[in-house]
Amino acid sequence: MSGVSHPIQVVGGVPVVAAPEEIDVTNADWLRSVLLQAADRGHGRFVVDMTHTRFCASAAVGVLVRAHRRALAEGGELLLVVPANGAVQRIFALTGVDQLIPSFAGLDEALEPAPAAARRRHRRRRRMLGARRRADGQAADPGASPGPA
């Protein structure tokens, strides 16, 4: 990949991958390879900084999802840095990636110690679960009949 001499930097002991400006089918394999290297350097926990990424095709989304699942399976985690109002955030919202992979507005926030980041993700999950509650405050049971028995 031209123009990127050191795509992985270790910040506070955590590998940070600087994603390219555009990620599509032509460089998705390169991204996959770099993410594998980052996961190995960080014992499974690593960050993908997409601050400068303006375009993220479906090939890149697939690479990120697979890297996230691999990290979880190995006891680690993949965290994303994605500007809140950019095109990439919109793509992630449309595809559901924003609900799957933890993302942060800035690198400093993503690099906070794991307990703080875990608490934030837990609160986000609780909010998502809260949206699935019935009007009477009980958790919705997808297998239950909609009306009273």
C-alpha atoms as a PDB file:
ATOM      1  CA  MET A   1       0.000   0.000   0.000  1.00  0.00           C
ATOM      2  CA  SER A   2       1.703   3.176  -1.129  1.00  0.00           C
ATOM      3  CA  GLY A   3       1.873   6.163   1.176  1.00  0.00           C
ATOM      4  CA  VAL A   4       1.501   4.121   4.366  1.00  0.00           C
ATOM      5  CA  SER A   5       4.898   3.218   5.761  1.00  0.00           C
ATOM      6  CA  HIS A   6       3.875   2.207   9.279  1.00  0.00           C
ATOM      7  CA  PRO A   7       0.187   1.278   9.362  1.00  0.00           C
ATOM      8  CA  ILE A   8       0.503  -0.069  12.928  1.00  0.00           C
ATOM      9  CA  GLN A   9       1.668   2.051  15.848  1.00  0.00           C
ATOM     10  CA  VAL A  10       1.636   0.896  19.441  1.00  0.00           C
ATOM     11  CA  VAL A  11       0.029   3.525  21.681  1.00  0.00           C
ATOM     12  CA  GLY A  12      -0.060   2.825  25.399  1.00  0.00           C
ATOM     13  CA  GLY A  13       0.655  -0.837  24.723  1.00  0.00           C
ATOM     14  CA  VAL A  14      -2.260  -1.153  22.277  1.00  0.00           C
ATOM     15  CA  PRO A  15      -1.687  -1.606  18.530  1.00  0.00           C
ATOM     16  CA  VAL A  16      -3.445   1.075  16.497  1.00  0.00           C
ATOM     17  CA  VAL A  17      -4.028   0.513  12.787  1.00  0.00           C
ATOM     18  CA  ALA A  18      -4.297   3.670  10.699  1.00  0.00           C
ATOM     19  CA  ALA A  19      -6.921   2.788   8.092  1.00  0.00           C
ATOM     20  CA  PRO A  20      -6.497   4.239   4.610  1.00  0.00           C
ATOM     21  CA  GLU A  21      -8.656   7.027   3.197  1.00  0.00           C
ATOM     22  CA  GLU A  22     -10.574   4.579   1.019  1.00  0.00           C
ATOM     23  CA  ILE A  23     -11.093   0.888   1.708  1.00  0.00           C
ATOM     24  CA  ASP A  24     -12.543  -1.222  -1.072  1.00  0.00           C
ATOM     25  CA  VAL A  25     -11.986  -4.537  -2.830  1.00  0.00           C
ATOM     26  CA  THR A  26      -8.573  -3.385  -4.092  1.00  0.00           C
ATOM     27  CA  ASN A  27      -7.074  -3.021  -0.604  1.00  0.00           C
ATOM     28  CA  ALA A  28      -9.347  -5.103   1.651  1.00  0.00           C
ATOM     29  CA  ASP A  29      -6.850  -7.999   1.647  1.00  0.00           C
ATOM     30  CA  TRP A  30      -4.093  -5.600   2.699  1.00  0.00           C
ATOM     31  CA  LEU A  31      -6.302  -4.376   5.559  1.00  0.00           C
ATOM     32  CA  ARG A  32      -7.015  -7.981   6.588  1.00  0.00           C
ATOM     33  CA  SER A  33      -3.293  -8.726   6.717  1.00  0.00           C
ATOM     34  CA  VAL A  34      -2.544  -5.610   8.790  1.00  0.00           C
ATOM     35  CA  LEU A  35      -5.378  -6.411  11.211  1.00  0.00           C
ATOM     36  CA  LEU A  36      -4.005  -9.917  11.729  1.00  0.00           C
ATOM     37  CA  GLN A  37      -0.578  -8.423  12.510  1.00  0.00           C
ATOM     38  CA  ALA A  38      -2.130  -5.921  14.927  1.00  0.00           C
ATOM     39  CA  ALA A  39      -4.096  -8.632  16.718  1.00  0.00           C
ATOM     40  CA  ASP A  40      -0.905 -10.630  17.181  1.00  0.00           C
ATOM     41  CA  ARG A  41       0.955  -7.610  18.587  1.00  0.00           C
ATOM     42  CA  GLY A  42      -1.770  -6.658  21.040  1.00  0.00           C
ATOM     43  CA  HIS A  43      -2.658 -10.083  22.361  1.00  0.00           C
ATOM     44  CA  GLY A  44      -6.043  -9.740  20.650  1.00  0.00           C
ATOM     45  CA  ARG A  45      -6.909  -6.161  21.674  1.00  0.00           C
ATOM     46  CA  PHE A  46      -6.347  -3.510  19.033  1.00  0.00           C
ATOM     47  CA  VAL A  47      -7.801  -0.331  17.556  1.00  0.00           C
ATOM     48  CA  VAL A  48      -8.590   0.604  13.962  1.00  0.00           C
ATOM     49  CA  ASP A  49      -8.366   4.373  13.565  1.00  0.00           C
ATOM     50  CA  MET A  50     -10.717   5.344  10.739  1.00  0.00           C
ATOM     51  CA  THR A  51     -10.494   9.076  11.394  1.00  0.00           C
ATOM     52  CA  HIS A  52      -9.227   9.747   7.866  1.00  0.00           C
ATOM     53  CA  THR A  53     -11.311   7.078   6.124  1.00  0.00           C
ATOM     54  CA  ARG A  54     -13.872   8.613   3.777  1.00  0.00           C
ATOM     55  CA  PHE A  55     -15.089   5.481   1.990  1.00  0.00           C
ATOM     56  CA  CYS A  56     -15.617   1.965   3.305  1.00  0.00           C
ATOM     57  CA  ALA A  57     -16.964  -0.602   0.839  1.00  0.00           C
ATOM     58  CA  SER A  58     -18.681  -3.853   1.751  1.00  0.00           C
ATOM     59  CA  ALA A  59     -15.394  -5.748   1.352  1.00  0.00           C
ATOM     60  CA  ALA A  60     -13.924  -3.643   4.147  1.00  0.00           C
ATOM     61  CA  VAL A  61     -16.989  -4.094   6.340  1.00  0.00           C
ATOM     62  CA  GLY A  62     -16.588  -7.856   5.975  1.00  0.00           C
ATOM     63  CA  VAL A  63     -12.900  -7.678   6.902  1.00  0.00           C
ATOM     64  CA  LEU A  64     -13.679  -5.640  10.028  1.00  0.00           C
ATOM     65  CA  VAL A  65     -16.488  -7.964  11.141  1.00  0.00           C
ATOM     66  CA  ARG A  66     -14.319 -11.065  10.678  1.00  0.00           C
ATOM     67  CA  ALA A  67     -11.425  -9.421  12.556  1.00  0.00           C
ATOM     68  CA  HIS A  68     -13.820  -8.473  15.373  1.00  0.00           C
ATOM     69  CA  ARG A  69     -15.156 -12.034  15.651  1.00  0.00           C
ATOM     70  CA  ARG A  70     -11.654 -13.486  15.593  1.00  0.00           C
ATOM     71  CA  ALA A  71     -10.512 -11.098  18.326  1.00  0.00           C
ATOM     72  CA  LEU A  72     -13.490 -12.030  20.520  1.00  0.00           C
ATOM     73  CA  ALA A  73     -12.895 -15.749  19.952  1.00  0.00           C
ATOM     74  CA  GLU A  74      -9.303 -15.276  21.113  1.00  0.00           C
ATOM     75  CA  GLY A  75     -10.303 -13.312  24.215  1.00  0.00           C
ATOM     76  CA  GLY A  76      -9.466  -9.898  22.773  1.00  0.00           C
ATOM     77  CA  GLU A  77     -11.365  -7.075  21.200  1.00  0.00           C
ATOM     78  CA  LEU A  78     -11.341  -4.839  18.165  1.00  0.00           C
ATOM     79  CA  LEU A  79     -12.248  -1.206  18.751  1.00  0.00           C
ATOM     80  CA  LEU A  80     -12.967   1.387  16.068  1.00  0.00           C
ATOM     81  CA  VAL A  81     -12.327   5.114  15.995  1.00  0.00           C
ATOM     82  CA  VAL A  82     -14.942   6.599  13.673  1.00  0.00           C
ATOM     83  CA  PRO A  83     -15.979  10.258  13.446  1.00  0.00           C
ATOM     84  CA  ALA A  84     -19.592  10.555  14.582  1.00  0.00           C
ATOM     85  CA  ASN A  85     -20.950  12.400  11.577  1.00  0.00           C
ATOM     86  CA  GLY A  86     -18.942  10.995   8.682  1.00  0.00           C
ATOM     87  CA  ALA A  87     -19.819   8.754   5.756  1.00  0.00           C
ATOM     88  CA  VAL A  88     -18.210   5.728   7.404  1.00  0.00           C
ATOM     89  CA  GLN A  89     -20.405   6.084  10.496  1.00  0.00           C
ATOM     90  CA  ARG A  90     -23.459   6.166   8.226  1.00  0.00           C
ATOM     91  CA  ILE A  91     -22.348   2.975   6.464  1.00  0.00           C
ATOM     92  CA  PHE A  92     -21.798   1.295   9.830  1.00  0.00           C
ATOM     93  CA  ALA A  93     -25.242   2.385  11.024  1.00  0.00           C
ATOM     94  CA  LEU A  94     -26.914   1.056   7.870  1.00  0.00           C
ATOM     95  CA  THR A  95     -25.126  -2.292   8.061  1.00  0.00           C
ATOM     96  CA  GLY A  96     -25.427  -2.725  11.841  1.00  0.00           C
ATOM     97  CA  VAL A  97     -21.660  -2.679  12.387  1.00  0.00           C
ATOM     98  CA  ASP A  98     -22.145   0.201  14.836  1.00  0.00           C
ATOM     99  CA  GLN A  99     -24.102  -2.210  17.076  1.00  0.00           C
ATOM    100  CA  LEU A 100     -21.586  -5.043  16.686  1.00  0.00           C
ATOM    101  CA  ILE A 101     -18.148  -3.456  17.025  1.00  0.00           C
ATOM    102  CA  PRO A 102     -17.494  -0.905  19.786  1.00  0.00           C
ATOM    103  CA  SER A 103     -16.666   2.466  18.264  1.00  0.00           C
ATOM    104  CA  PHE A 104     -15.405   5.713  19.710  1.00  0.00           C
ATOM    105  CA  ALA A 105     -15.223   9.287  18.449  1.00  0.00           C
ATOM    106  CA  GLY A 106     -11.536   9.665  19.306  1.00  0.00           C
ATOM    107  CA  LEU A 107      -8.419   7.599  19.828  1.00  0.00           C
ATOM    108  CA  ASP A 108      -7.960   8.713  23.446  1.00  0.00           C
ATOM    109  CA  GLU A 109     -11.426   7.427  24.310  1.00  0.00           C
ATOM    110  CA  ALA A 110     -10.779   4.081  22.581  1.00  0.00           C
ATOM    111  CA  LEU A 111      -7.506   3.651  24.460  1.00  0.00           C
ATOM    112  CA  GLU A 112      -9.019   4.155  27.933  1.00  0.00           C
ATOM    113  CA  PRO A 113      -8.397   1.209  30.254  1.00  0.00           C
ATOM    114  CA  ALA A 114     -10.641  -1.771  29.498  1.00  0.00           C
ATOM    115  CA  PRO A 115     -12.879  -1.453  32.594  1.00  0.00           C
ATOM    116  CA  ALA A 116     -14.071   2.042  31.578  1.00  0.00           C
ATOM    117  CA  ALA A 117     -14.604   0.957  27.991  1.00  0.00           C
ATOM    118  CA  ALA A 118     -16.450  -2.157  29.167  1.00  0.00           C
ATOM    119  CA  ARG A 119     -18.755  -0.071  31.350  1.00  0.00           C
ATOM    120  CA  ARG A 120     -19.584   2.156  28.393  1.00  0.00           C
ATOM    121  CA  ARG A 121     -20.379  -0.837  26.184  1.00  0.00           C
ATOM    122  CA  HIS A 122     -22.491  -2.336  28.977  1.00  0.00           C
ATOM    123  CA  ARG A 123     -24.515   0.890  29.233  1.00  0.00           C
ATOM    124  CA  ARG A 124     -24.962   0.918  25.454  1.00  0.00           C
ATOM    125  CA  ARG A 125     -26.220  -2.697  25.549  1.00  0.00           C
ATOM    126  CA  ARG A 126     -28.646  -1.845  28.360  1.00  0.00           C
ATOM    127  CA  ARG A 127     -30.027   1.043  26.291  1.00  0.00           C
ATOM    128  CA  MET A 128     -30.462  -1.295  23.320  1.00  0.00           C
ATOM    129  CA  LEU A 129     -32.206  -3.848  25.515  1.00  0.00           C
ATOM    130  CA  GLY A 130     -34.399  -1.118  26.978  1.00  0.00           C
ATOM    131  CA  ALA A 131     -35.693  -0.360  23.487  1.00  0.00           C
ATOM    132  CA  ARG A 132     -36.927  -3.951  23.292  1.00  0.00           C
ATOM    133  CA  ARG A 133     -39.085  -3.718  26.413  1.00  0.00           C
ATOM    134  CA  ARG A 134     -42.861  -3.767  26.275  1.00  0.00           C
ATOM    135  CA  ALA A 135     -44.957  -0.834  27.378  1.00  0.00           C
ATOM    136  CA  ASP A 136     -45.557  -2.430  30.819  1.00  0.00           C
ATOM    137  CA  GLY A 137     -41.787  -2.458  31.481  1.00  0.00           C
ATOM    138  CA  GLN A 138     -41.347  -6.210  31.079  1.00  0.00           C
ATOM    139  CA  ALA A 139     -38.741  -7.545  28.692  1.00  0.00           C
ATOM    140  CA  ALA A 140     -40.321  -8.672  25.457  1.00  0.00           C
ATOM    141  CA  ASP A 141     -40.251 -12.428  24.954  1.00  0.00           C
ATOM    142  CA  PRO A 142     -39.925 -13.139  21.230  1.00  0.00           C
ATOM    143  CA  GLY A 143     -41.499 -16.594  21.693  1.00  0.00           C
ATOM    144  CA  ALA A 144     -44.521 -15.393  23.648  1.00  0.00           C
ATOM    145  CA  SER A 145     -47.891 -14.596  22.148  1.00  0.00           C
ATOM    146  CA  PRO A 146     -48.561 -10.852  21.784  1.00  0.00           C
ATOM    147  CA  GLY A 147     -51.807 -10.763  23.777  1.00  0.00           C
ATOM    148  CA  PRO A 148     -52.884 -11.801  27.281  1.00  0.00           C
ATOM    149  CA  ALA A 149     -53.293 -15.517  27.906  1.00  0.00           C
END
